[in-house]
All heavy atoms as atom14 arrays in JSON, in Angstrom:
{
  "sequence": "RLDGSGHAPSAASRDYDGDVVGTVVDELAA",
  "atom14_mask": [
    [1, 1, 1, 1, 1, 1, 1, 1, 1, 1, 1, 0, 0, 0],
    [1, 1, 1, 1, 1, 1, 1, 1, 0, 0, 0, 0, 0, 0],
    [1, 1, 1, 1, 1, 1, 1, 1, 0, 0, 0, 0, 0, 0],
    [1, 1, 1, 1, 0, 0, 0, 0, 0, 0, 0, 0, 0, 0],
    [1, 1, 1, 1, 1, 1, 0, 0, 0, 0, 0, 0, 0, 0],
    [1, 1, 1, 1, 0, 0, 0, 0, 0, 0, 0, 0, 0, 0],
    [1, 1, 1, 1, 1, 1, 1, 1, 1, 1, 0, 0, 0, 0],
    [1, 1, 1, 1, 1, 0, 0, 0, 0, 0, 0, 0, 0, 0],
    [1, 1, 1, 1, 1, 1, 1, 0, 0, 0, 0, 0, 0, 0],
    [1, 1, 1, 1, 1, 1, 0, 0, 0, 0, 0, 0, 0, 0],
    [1, 1, 1, 1, 1, 0, 0, 0, 0, 0, 0, 0, 0, 0],
    [1, 1, 1, 1, 1, 0, 0, 0, 0, 0, 0, 0, 0, 0],
    [1, 1, 1, 1, 1, 1, 0, 0, 0, 0, 0, 0, 0, 0],
    [1, 1, 1, 1, 1, 1, 1, 1, 1, 1, 1, 0, 0, 0],
    [1, 1, 1, 1, 1, 1, 1, 1, 0, 0, 0, 0, 0, 0],
    [1, 1, 1, 1, 1, 1, 1, 1, 1, 1, 1, 1, 0, 0],
    [1, 1, 1, 1, 1, 1, 1, 1, 0, 0, 0, 0, 0, 0],
    [1, 1, 1, 1, 0, 0, 0, 0, 0, 0, 0, 0, 0, 0],
    [1, 1, 1, 1, 1, 1, 1, 1, 0, 0, 0, 0, 0, 0],
    [1, 1, 1, 1, 1, 1, 1, 0, 0, 0, 0, 0, 0, 0],
    [1, 1, 1, 1, 1, 1, 1, 0, 0, 0, 0, 0, 0, 0],
    [1, 1, 1, 1, 0, 0, 0, 0, 0, 0, 0, 0, 0, 0],
    [1, 1, 1, 1, 1, 1, 1, 0, 0, 0, 0, 0, 0, 0],
    [1, 1, 1, 1, 1, 1, 1, 0, 0, 0, 0, 0, 0, 0],
    [1, 1, 1, 1, 1, 1, 1, 0, 0, 0, 0, 0, 0, 0],
    [1, 1, 1, 1, 1, 1, 1, 1, 0, 0, 0, 0, 0, 0],
    [1, 1, 1, 1, 1, 1, 1, 1, 1, 0, 0, 0, 0, 0],
    [1, 1, 1, 1, 1, 1, 1, 1, 0, 0, 0, 0, 0, 0],
    [1, 1, 1, 1, 1, 0, 0, 0, 0, 0, 0, 0, 0, 0],
    [1, 1, 1, 1, 1, 0, 0, 0, 0, 0, 0, 0, 0, 0]
  ],
  "atom14_positions": [
    [[81.27, 129.69, 99.4], [80.06, 130.06, 98.71], [80.32, 130.12, 97.21], [81.33, 130.62, 96.76], [79.58, 131.41, 99.22], [80.7, 132.46, 99.23], [80.15, 133.86, 99.18], [81.17, 134.87, 99.39], [82.05, 135.25, 98.47], [82.05, 134.68, 97.29], [82.92, 136.2, 98.74], [0.0, 0.0, 0.0], [0.0, 0.0, 0.0], [0.0, 0.0, 0.0]],
    [[79.38, 129.64, 96.44], [79.47, 129.68, 94.99], [78.21, 130.25, 94.36], [78.1, 130.35, 93.15], [79.71, 128.28, 94.42], [81.06, 127.65, 94.78], [81.11, 126.21, 94.29], [82.2, 128.44, 94.18], [0.0, 0.0, 0.0], [0.0, 0.0, 0.0], [0.0, 0.0, 0.0], [0.0, 0.0, 0.0], [0.0, 0.0, 0.0], [0.0, 0.0, 0.0]],
    [[77.23, 130.63, 95.2], [75.94, 131.05, 94.67], [75.82, 132.57, 94.52], [74.78, 133.08, 94.11], [74.8, 130.54, 95.54], [74.89, 131.02, 96.99], [75.83, 131.78, 97.29], [74.02, 130.65, 97.79], [0.0, 0.0, 0.0], [0.0, 0.0, 0.0], [0.0, 0.0, 0.0], [0.0, 0.0, 0.0], [0.0, 0.0, 0.0], [0.0, 0.0, 0.0]],
    [[76.86, 133.31, 94.89], [76.81, 134.75, 94.76], [76.03, 135.45, 95.84], [75.85, 136.66, 95.8], [0.0, 0.0, 0.0], [0.0, 0.0, 0.0], [0.0, 0.0, 0.0], [0.0, 0.0, 0.0], [0.0, 0.0, 0.0], [0.0, 0.0, 0.0], [0.0, 0.0, 0.0], [0.0, 0.0, 0.0], [0.0, 0.0, 0.0], [0.0, 0.0, 0.0]],
    [[75.56, 134.73, 96.84], [74.7, 135.32, 97.87], [75.48, 136.13, 98.88], [74.93, 136.99, 99.56], [73.95, 134.2, 98.61], [74.85, 133.42, 99.37], [0.0, 0.0, 0.0], [0.0, 0.0, 0.0], [0.0, 0.0, 0.0], [0.0, 0.0, 0.0], [0.0, 0.0, 0.0], [0.0, 0.0, 0.0], [0.0, 0.0, 0.0], [0.0, 0.0, 0.0]],
    [[76.77, 135.84, 99.02], [77.55, 136.51, 100.05], [77.47, 135.83, 101.39], [78.11, 136.27, 102.34], [0.0, 0.0, 0.0], [0.0, 0.0, 0.0], [0.0, 0.0, 0.0], [0.0, 0.0, 0.0], [0.0, 0.0, 0.0], [0.0, 0.0, 0.0], [0.0, 0.0, 0.0], [0.0, 0.0, 0.0], [0.0, 0.0, 0.0], [0.0, 0.0, 0.0]],
    [[76.68, 134.77, 101.51], [76.57, 134.08, 102.79], [77.84, 133.3, 103.09], [78.49, 132.76, 102.19], [75.38, 133.11, 102.8], [74.06, 133.8, 102.65], [73.68, 134.85, 103.45], [73.04, 133.61, 101.79], [72.48, 135.25, 103.1], [72.07, 134.52, 102.08], [0.0, 0.0, 0.0], [0.0, 0.0, 0.0], [0.0, 0.0, 0.0], [0.0, 0.0, 0.0]],
    [[78.21, 133.26, 104.37], [79.37, 132.49, 104.78], [79.09, 131.0, 104.59], [77.94, 130.56, 104.65], [79.7, 132.79, 106.23], [0.0, 0.0, 0.0], [0.0, 0.0, 0.0], [0.0, 0.0, 0.0], [0.0, 0.0, 0.0], [0.0, 0.0, 0.0], [0.0, 0.0, 0.0], [0.0, 0.0, 0.0], [0.0, 0.0, 0.0], [0.0, 0.0, 0.0]],
    [[80.13, 130.2, 104.38], [79.94, 128.75, 104.25], [79.28, 128.16, 105.49], [79.46, 128.65, 106.61], [81.36, 128.23, 104.08], [82.14, 129.39, 103.58], [81.53, 130.59, 104.2], [0.0, 0.0, 0.0], [0.0, 0.0, 0.0], [0.0, 0.0, 0.0], [0.0, 0.0, 0.0], [0.0, 0.0, 0.0], [0.0, 0.0, 0.0], [0.0, 0.0, 0.0]],
    [[78.52, 127.12, 105.3], [77.83, 126.48, 106.41], [78.79, 125.68, 107.27], [79.91, 125.37, 106.86], [76.75, 125.54, 105.88], [77.34, 124.45, 105.2], [0.0, 0.0, 0.0], [0.0, 0.0, 0.0], [0.0, 0.0, 0.0], [0.0, 0.0, 0.0], [0.0, 0.0, 0.0], [0.0, 0.0, 0.0], [0.0, 0.0, 0.0], [0.0, 0.0, 0.0]],
    [[78.33, 125.34, 108.49], [79.16, 124.55, 109.39], [79.51, 123.2, 108.78], [80.58, 122.65, 109.03], [78.44, 124.36, 110.72], [0.0, 0.0, 0.0], [0.0, 0.0, 0.0], [0.0, 0.0, 0.0], [0.0, 0.0, 0.0], [0.0, 0.0, 0.0], [0.0, 0.0, 0.0], [0.0, 0.0, 0.0], [0.0, 0.0, 0.0], [0.0, 0.0, 0.0]],
    [[78.61, 122.67, 107.94], [78.86, 121.37, 107.32], [80.09, 121.41, 106.42], [80.75, 120.37, 106.23], [77.64, 120.95, 106.5], [0.0, 0.0, 0.0], [0.0, 0.0, 0.0], [0.0, 0.0, 0.0], [0.0, 0.0, 0.0], [0.0, 0.0, 0.0], [0.0, 0.0, 0.0], [0.0, 0.0, 0.0], [0.0, 0.0, 0.0], [0.0, 0.0, 0.0]],
    [[80.43, 122.58, 105.9], [81.59, 122.67, 105.02], [82.89, 122.49, 105.78], [83.95, 122.29, 105.18], [81.61, 124.01, 104.29], [81.93, 125.07, 105.18], [0.0, 0.0, 0.0], [0.0, 0.0, 0.0], [0.0, 0.0, 0.0], [0.0, 0.0, 0.0], [0.0, 0.0, 0.0], [0.0, 0.0, 0.0], [0.0, 0.0, 0.0], [0.0, 0.0, 0.0]],
    [[82.84, 122.56, 107.11], [84.04, 122.38, 107.92], [84.15, 120.96, 108.49], [85.0, 120.69, 109.34], [84.05, 123.41, 109.06], [84.07, 124.84, 108.57], [84.27, 125.84, 109.7], [83.12, 125.92, 110.57], [82.07, 126.72, 110.37], [82.04, 127.5, 109.29], [81.07, 126.76, 111.22], [0.0, 0.0, 0.0], [0.0, 0.0, 0.0], [0.0, 0.0, 0.0]],
    [[83.33, 120.06, 108.0], [83.36, 118.67, 108.44], [84.27, 117.87, 107.51], [83.97, 117.69, 106.33], [81.94, 118.09, 108.42], [81.88, 116.65, 108.91], [82.94, 116.12, 109.33], [80.8, 116.05, 108.86], [0.0, 0.0, 0.0], [0.0, 0.0, 0.0], [0.0, 0.0, 0.0], [0.0, 0.0, 0.0], [0.0, 0.0, 0.0], [0.0, 0.0, 0.0]],
    [[85.37, 117.39, 108.06], [86.34, 116.63, 107.27], [86.46, 115.19, 107.76], [87.47, 114.54, 107.53], [87.7, 117.33, 107.3], [87.68, 118.67, 106.59], [87.36, 119.84, 107.28], [87.95, 118.76, 105.24], [87.33, 121.06, 106.63], [87.92, 119.98, 104.58], [87.6, 121.13, 105.29], [87.56, 122.35, 104.64], [0.0, 0.0, 0.0], [0.0, 0.0, 0.0]],
    [[85.44, 114.73, 108.44], [85.36, 113.33, 108.9], [86.61, 112.94, 109.69], [87.13, 111.82, 109.55], [85.16, 112.4, 107.7], [84.66, 111.01, 108.12], [84.0, 110.91, 109.18], [84.91, 110.05, 107.38], [0.0, 0.0, 0.0], [0.0, 0.0, 0.0], [0.0, 0.0, 0.0], [0.0, 0.0, 0.0], [0.0, 0.0, 0.0], [0.0, 0.0, 0.0]],
    [[87.11, 113.88, 110.5], [88.23, 113.57, 111.38], [89.6, 113.61, 110.75], [90.6, 113.37, 111.43], [0.0, 0.0, 0.0], [0.0, 0.0, 0.0], [0.0, 0.0, 0.0], [0.0, 0.0, 0.0], [0.0, 0.0, 0.0], [0.0, 0.0, 0.0], [0.0, 0.0, 0.0], [0.0, 0.0, 0.0], [0.0, 0.0, 0.0], [0.0, 0.0, 0.0]],
    [[89.68, 113.92, 109.45], [90.99, 113.91, 108.78], [91.04, 115.06, 107.79], [90.87, 114.88, 106.59], [91.2, 112.58, 108.06], [92.58, 112.48, 107.39], [93.43, 113.37, 107.64], [92.8, 111.53, 106.62], [0.0, 0.0, 0.0], [0.0, 0.0, 0.0], [0.0, 0.0, 0.0], [0.0, 0.0, 0.0], [0.0, 0.0, 0.0], [0.0, 0.0, 0.0]],
    [[91.3, 116.26, 108.31], [91.31, 117.42, 107.43], [92.48, 117.35, 106.45], [92.33, 117.74, 105.28], [91.37, 118.73, 108.26], [92.68, 118.86, 109.03], [91.14, 119.94, 107.37], [0.0, 0.0, 0.0], [0.0, 0.0, 0.0], [0.0, 0.0, 0.0], [0.0, 0.0, 0.0], [0.0, 0.0, 0.0], [0.0, 0.0, 0.0], [0.0, 0.0, 0.0]],
    [[93.62, 116.83, 106.86], [94.78, 116.78, 105.97], [94.52, 115.85, 104.79], [94.66, 116.24, 103.62], [96.04, 116.34, 106.73], [97.22, 116.19, 105.78], [96.37, 117.34, 107.84], [0.0, 0.0, 0.0], [0.0, 0.0, 0.0], [0.0, 0.0, 0.0], [0.0, 0.0, 0.0], [0.0, 0.0, 0.0], [0.0, 0.0, 0.0], [0.0, 0.0, 0.0]],
    [[94.1, 114.63, 105.09], [93.85, 113.67, 104.02], [92.74, 114.12, 103.09], [92.82, 113.95, 101.87], [0.0, 0.0, 0.0], [0.0, 0.0, 0.0], [0.0, 0.0, 0.0], [0.0, 0.0, 0.0], [0.0, 0.0, 0.0], [0.0, 0.0, 0.0], [0.0, 0.0, 0.0], [0.0, 0.0, 0.0], [0.0, 0.0, 0.0], [0.0, 0.0, 0.0]],
    [[91.68, 114.7, 103.66], [90.55, 115.13, 102.85], [90.92, 116.29, 101.94], [90.57, 116.31, 100.75], [89.36, 115.52, 103.74], [89.02, 114.42, 104.58], [88.15, 115.91, 102.91], [0.0, 0.0, 0.0], [0.0, 0.0, 0.0], [0.0, 0.0, 0.0], [0.0, 0.0, 0.0], [0.0, 0.0, 0.0], [0.0, 0.0, 0.0], [0.0, 0.0, 0.0]],
    [[91.64, 117.27, 102.48], [92.05, 118.42, 101.67], [92.97, 117.96, 100.54], [92.82, 118.39, 99.39], [92.73, 119.49, 102.53], [93.46, 120.52, 101.67], [91.7, 120.19, 103.42], [0.0, 0.0, 0.0], [0.0, 0.0, 0.0], [0.0, 0.0, 0.0], [0.0, 0.0, 0.0], [0.0, 0.0, 0.0], [0.0, 0.0, 0.0], [0.0, 0.0, 0.0]],
    [[93.89, 117.08, 100.84], [94.81, 116.57, 99.81], [94.02, 115.83, 98.73], [94.25, 116.03, 97.52], [95.88, 115.67, 100.43], [96.68, 114.95, 99.34], [96.83, 116.49, 101.3], [0.0, 0.0, 0.0], [0.0, 0.0, 0.0], [0.0, 0.0, 0.0], [0.0, 0.0, 0.0], [0.0, 0.0, 0.0], [0.0, 0.0, 0.0], [0.0, 0.0, 0.0]],
    [[93.08, 114.99, 99.14], [92.28, 114.25, 98.16], [91.45, 115.18, 97.29], [91.36, 115.0, 96.06], [91.36, 113.26, 98.87], [92.1, 112.07, 99.46], [93.28, 111.86, 99.1], [91.49, 111.34, 100.28], [0.0, 0.0, 0.0], [0.0, 0.0, 0.0], [0.0, 0.0, 0.0], [0.0, 0.0, 0.0], [0.0, 0.0, 0.0], [0.0, 0.0, 0.0]],
    [[90.86, 116.19, 97.92], [90.02, 117.12, 97.15], [90.85, 117.99, 96.22], [90.42, 118.31, 95.1], [89.15, 117.95, 98.1], [88.1, 117.1, 98.81], [87.21, 117.87, 99.77], [87.37, 119.11, 99.88], [86.35, 117.25, 100.41], [0.0, 0.0, 0.0], [0.0, 0.0, 0.0], [0.0, 0.0, 0.0], [0.0, 0.0, 0.0], [0.0, 0.0, 0.0]],
    [[92.04, 118.38, 96.65], [92.92, 119.13, 95.76], [93.42, 118.26, 94.6], [93.53, 118.73, 93.46], [94.1, 119.71, 96.53], [93.84, 121.02, 97.27], [95.05, 121.4, 98.11], [93.49, 122.15, 96.3], [0.0, 0.0, 0.0], [0.0, 0.0, 0.0], [0.0, 0.0, 0.0], [0.0, 0.0, 0.0], [0.0, 0.0, 0.0], [0.0, 0.0, 0.0]],
    [[93.7, 116.99, 94.9], [94.12, 116.08, 93.82], [93.02, 115.94, 92.77], [93.29, 115.93, 91.56], [94.48, 114.72, 94.41], [0.0, 0.0, 0.0], [0.0, 0.0, 0.0], [0.0, 0.0, 0.0], [0.0, 0.0, 0.0], [0.0, 0.0, 0.0], [0.0, 0.0, 0.0], [0.0, 0.0, 0.0], [0.0, 0.0, 0.0], [0.0, 0.0, 0.0]],
    [[91.78, 115.85, 93.23], [90.64, 115.76, 92.3], [90.51, 117.04, 91.49], [90.18, 117.01, 90.29], [89.36, 115.47, 93.07], [0.0, 0.0, 0.0], [0.0, 0.0, 0.0], [0.0, 0.0, 0.0], [0.0, 0.0, 0.0], [0.0, 0.0, 0.0], [0.0, 0.0, 0.0], [0.0, 0.0, 0.0], [0.0, 0.0, 0.0], [0.0, 0.0, 0.0]]
  ]
}
């Protein structure tokens, strides 16, 4: 969450298109 609402992240935020390792590494690199 980045909006200050206190709401938990949505289910869509846990979608890594089948490759959580590669996606997390790419997003951290960015």
